[in-house]
Amino acid sequence: MAGNKLSATEKDELLNALKIRFSKNMNRHKGLEWTEVQSRLSKSSEKLWSLNEMERTGGEPDVVGYDKKTGEFIFYDCSPETPKGRRSICYDRTALDARKENKPADSALDMAAAIGIEILTEDQYRELQQHGNFDLKTSSWIETPSHIRKLGGALFCDRRYDTVFVYHNGADSYYAARGFRGSLRV
């Protein structure tokens, strides 16, 4: 991730897109001001690059919180469905390497690391769902506890019947409608 920087034009386009999304979705970040977010963003070219990658892959990142202890703004992928540019992937590198045939192009954890973000935990996914109805037609891999992963499984979530569901699958499985959502602290 080091060395990945945006041009001045890319930076301006990203900040404009983020500002518009921030303004349209004030319910996600009550009490927060865009000027404070922009000030924080302007101090970190690496985080801007990661946000741009979230945007480029269809995540529609937006501020969903503020950590008073660290002074960081918390961004989640807020696209209505799991990001289009991060679908048809298995859970992690171990699962990808274990597939003998019909391997997906990548894994959720590898893509998240390449972008510089963290995959959502179950708690974060449930928190996201408090800001709207997400993944009504798709599903998203979530951080899987090590004891489940050691047995070959991985967890994913979606929203159906006005309820958030957590499911399991083999970590090596992949589907056209399953991707992952990420978080970034700035």
Protein backbone atom coordinates (compact mmCIF):
# COMPACT_ATOMS: atom_id res chain seq x y z
CA MET A 1 0.00 0.00 0.00
CA ALA A 2 2.92 2.36 0.58
CA GLY A 3 3.53 4.70 -2.30
CA ASN A 4 -0.07 4.62 -3.52
CA LYS A 5 -1.09 8.22 -3.92
CA LEU A 6 -3.84 10.04 -5.74
CA SER A 7 -3.31 12.81 -8.23
CA ALA A 8 -4.71 16.23 -7.31
CA THR A 9 -7.65 15.64 -9.66
CA GLU A 10 -8.38 12.18 -8.22
CA LYS A 11 -8.20 13.60 -4.70
CA ASP A 12 -10.62 16.43 -5.56
CA GLU A 13 -13.04 14.01 -7.26
CA LEU A 14 -12.96 11.64 -4.29
CA LEU A 15 -13.43 14.39 -1.70
CA ASN A 16 -16.34 15.78 -3.70
CA ALA A 17 -18.01 12.35 -3.92
CA LEU A 18 -17.48 11.76 -0.20
CA LYS A 19 -18.84 15.22 0.68
CA ILE A 20 -21.97 14.70 -1.41
CA ARG A 21 -22.58 11.25 0.14
CA PHE A 22 -21.94 12.64 3.63
CA SER A 23 -24.50 15.43 3.06
CA LYS A 24 -27.13 13.07 1.63
CA ASN A 25 -26.87 10.60 4.52
CA MET A 26 -26.69 12.69 7.68
CA ASN A 27 -28.52 9.93 9.59
CA ARG A 28 -25.31 7.88 9.44
CA HIS A 29 -23.21 10.48 11.27
CA LYS A 30 -25.38 12.72 13.40
CA GLY A 31 -23.46 15.49 15.12
CA LEU A 32 -20.43 15.24 12.82
CA GLU A 33 -19.33 18.02 10.49
CA TRP A 34 -17.89 17.48 7.02
CA THR A 35 -15.22 20.16 7.55
CA GLU A 36 -13.77 18.10 10.42
CA VAL A 37 -13.78 14.94 8.31
CA GLN A 38 -12.16 16.71 5.35
CA SER A 39 -9.50 18.22 7.60
CA ARG A 40 -8.61 14.77 8.91
CA LEU A 41 -8.62 13.26 5.40
CA SER A 42 -6.29 15.95 4.06
CA LYS A 43 -3.61 14.75 6.49
CA SER A 44 -3.42 11.18 5.20
CA SER A 45 -2.72 10.41 1.54
CA GLU A 46 -2.63 6.65 2.28
CA LYS A 47 -6.10 6.71 3.82
CA LEU A 48 -7.37 8.77 0.89
CA TRP A 49 -5.95 6.16 -1.47
CA SER A 50 -7.74 3.40 0.49
CA LEU A 51 -11.02 5.33 0.39
CA ASN A 52 -10.56 5.79 -3.34
CA GLU A 53 -10.10 2.02 -3.73
CA MET A 54 -13.26 1.45 -1.68
CA GLU A 55 -15.05 3.85 -4.01
CA ARG A 56 -13.50 2.41 -7.19
CA THR A 57 -14.62 -1.11 -6.30
CA GLY A 58 -18.20 0.02 -5.63
CA GLY A 59 -18.20 0.34 -1.84
CA GLU A 60 -19.61 3.86 -1.57
CA PRO A 61 -17.71 4.57 1.67
CA ASP A 62 -19.28 6.93 4.19
CA VAL A 63 -18.65 8.03 7.76
CA VAL A 64 -20.63 5.94 10.25
CA GLY A 65 -18.95 6.97 13.47
CA TYR A 66 -16.32 8.83 15.41
CA ASP A 67 -13.95 7.36 18.00
CA LYS A 68 -13.60 9.97 20.75
CA LYS A 69 -10.57 8.20 22.26
CA THR A 70 -8.49 8.21 19.09
CA GLY A 71 -10.09 11.12 17.24
CA GLU A 72 -10.65 8.88 14.21
CA PHE A 73 -13.60 8.94 11.85
CA ILE A 74 -14.92 5.49 10.95
CA PHE A 75 -15.87 4.73 7.36
CA TYR A 76 -17.83 1.66 6.20
CA ASP A 77 -18.81 0.53 2.73
CA CYS A 78 -22.39 1.79 2.45
CA SER A 79 -23.33 0.58 -1.03
CA PRO A 80 -26.87 -0.86 -1.07
CA GLU A 81 -25.49 -4.27 -2.10
CA THR A 82 -22.08 -5.79 -1.43
CA PRO A 83 -19.52 -3.92 -3.57
CA LYS A 84 -19.63 -5.07 -7.20
CA GLY A 85 -15.86 -4.92 -7.62
CA ARG A 86 -15.34 -7.33 -4.71
CA ARG A 87 -17.67 -10.22 -5.51
CA SER A 88 -17.13 -13.83 -6.58
CA ILE A 89 -14.30 -14.31 -4.10
CA CYS A 90 -13.61 -16.86 -1.41
CA TYR A 91 -12.81 -15.95 2.18
CA ASP A 92 -8.99 -16.05 2.50
CA ARG A 93 -5.71 -17.08 0.87
CA THR A 94 -5.74 -20.53 2.55
CA ALA A 95 -9.15 -21.25 1.04
CA LEU A 96 -8.06 -19.92 -2.35
CA ASP A 97 -4.92 -22.05 -2.38
CA ALA A 98 -6.89 -25.14 -1.32
CA ARG A 99 -9.17 -25.02 -4.36
CA LYS A 100 -8.05 -27.44 -7.03
CA GLU A 101 -10.41 -26.27 -9.78
CA ASN A 102 -12.48 -23.21 -10.66
CA LYS A 103 -10.54 -20.90 -8.41
CA PRO A 104 -11.96 -17.43 -7.86
CA ALA A 105 -9.78 -14.50 -8.84
CA ASP A 106 -9.07 -13.45 -5.24
CA SER A 107 -10.09 -13.70 -1.60
CA ALA A 108 -11.86 -11.24 0.68
CA LEU A 109 -9.01 -10.94 3.18
CA ASP A 110 -6.37 -10.49 0.47
CA MET A 111 -8.42 -7.81 -1.29
CA ALA A 112 -9.06 -5.99 1.98
CA ALA A 113 -5.34 -6.00 2.79
CA ALA A 114 -4.47 -4.75 -0.71
CA ILE A 115 -6.96 -1.89 -0.33
CA GLY A 116 -5.75 -1.12 3.20
CA ILE A 117 -9.07 -1.76 4.95
CA GLU A 118 -10.47 -4.25 7.45
CA ILE A 119 -13.30 -6.67 6.66
CA LEU A 120 -16.37 -5.95 8.81
CA THR A 121 -16.94 -7.94 11.98
CA GLU A 122 -20.40 -9.27 12.81
CA ASP A 123 -20.94 -6.40 15.26
CA GLN A 124 -19.88 -3.83 12.65
CA TYR A 125 -22.16 -5.43 10.06
CA ARG A 126 -25.10 -5.24 12.47
CA GLU A 127 -24.18 -1.61 13.24
CA LEU A 128 -24.15 -0.82 9.51
CA GLN A 129 -27.65 -2.24 9.21
CA GLN A 130 -28.84 0.36 11.73
CA HIS A 131 -28.12 2.99 9.06
CA GLY A 132 -30.25 1.42 6.33
CA ASN A 133 -31.17 -1.81 4.59
CA PHE A 134 -28.06 -3.33 3.04
CA ASP A 135 -27.48 -6.62 1.20
CA LEU A 136 -31.11 -7.32 0.35
CA LYS A 137 -30.03 -9.31 -2.74
CA THR A 138 -26.37 -10.03 -1.96
CA SER A 139 -24.29 -11.23 0.99
CA SER A 140 -20.99 -10.17 2.53
CA TRP A 141 -18.19 -12.18 4.12
CA ILE A 142 -17.46 -11.05 7.68
CA GLU A 143 -14.50 -11.58 9.98
CA THR A 144 -14.60 -15.22 11.05
CA PRO A 145 -13.50 -16.46 14.49
CA SER A 146 -10.34 -18.58 14.30
CA HIS A 147 -11.99 -21.69 15.77
CA ILE A 148 -14.52 -21.72 12.89
CA ARG A 149 -11.88 -20.94 10.30
CA LYS A 150 -9.61 -23.76 11.55
CA LEU A 151 -12.43 -26.18 10.79
CA GLY A 152 -12.72 -24.89 7.20
CA GLY A 153 -15.67 -22.56 7.64
CA ALA A 154 -16.25 -18.86 7.24
CA LEU A 155 -19.14 -16.53 8.09
CA PHE A 156 -21.20 -14.19 5.95
CA CYS A 157 -24.24 -11.98 6.48
CA ASP A 158 -27.18 -10.56 4.62
CA ARG A 159 -30.52 -8.92 5.33
CA ARG A 160 -33.72 -10.74 4.49
CA TYR A 161 -37.24 -10.46 5.94
CA ASP A 162 -36.16 -7.25 7.71
CA THR A 163 -33.66 -9.30 9.74
CA VAL A 164 -29.87 -9.58 9.66
CA PHE A 165 -28.78 -13.19 9.28
CA VAL A 166 -25.36 -14.70 9.93
CA TYR A 167 -24.57 -17.88 8.01
CA HIS A 168 -21.67 -20.22 7.47
CA ASN A 169 -20.13 -21.72 4.37
CA GLY A 170 -16.91 -23.40 3.40
CA ALA A 171 -14.25 -20.68 3.27
CA ASP A 172 -13.36 -21.81 -0.25
CA SER A 173 -16.88 -21.20 -1.60
CA TYR A 174 -17.66 -18.20 -3.76
CA TYR A 175 -20.76 -16.84 -5.39
CA ALA A 176 -21.51 -14.04 -7.83
CA ALA A 177 -23.63 -12.31 -5.19
CA ARG A 178 -21.14 -12.58 -2.29
CA GLY A 179 -18.36 -10.13 -1.62
CA PHE A 180 -17.24 -8.21 1.43
CA ARG A 181 -17.65 -4.84 3.09
CA GLY A 182 -14.80 -3.01 4.73
CA SER A 183 -14.05 -0.42 7.34
CA LEU A 184 -11.38 2.24 7.53
CA ARG A 185 -10.42 4.49 10.42
CA VAL A 186 -9.12 7.93 9.50
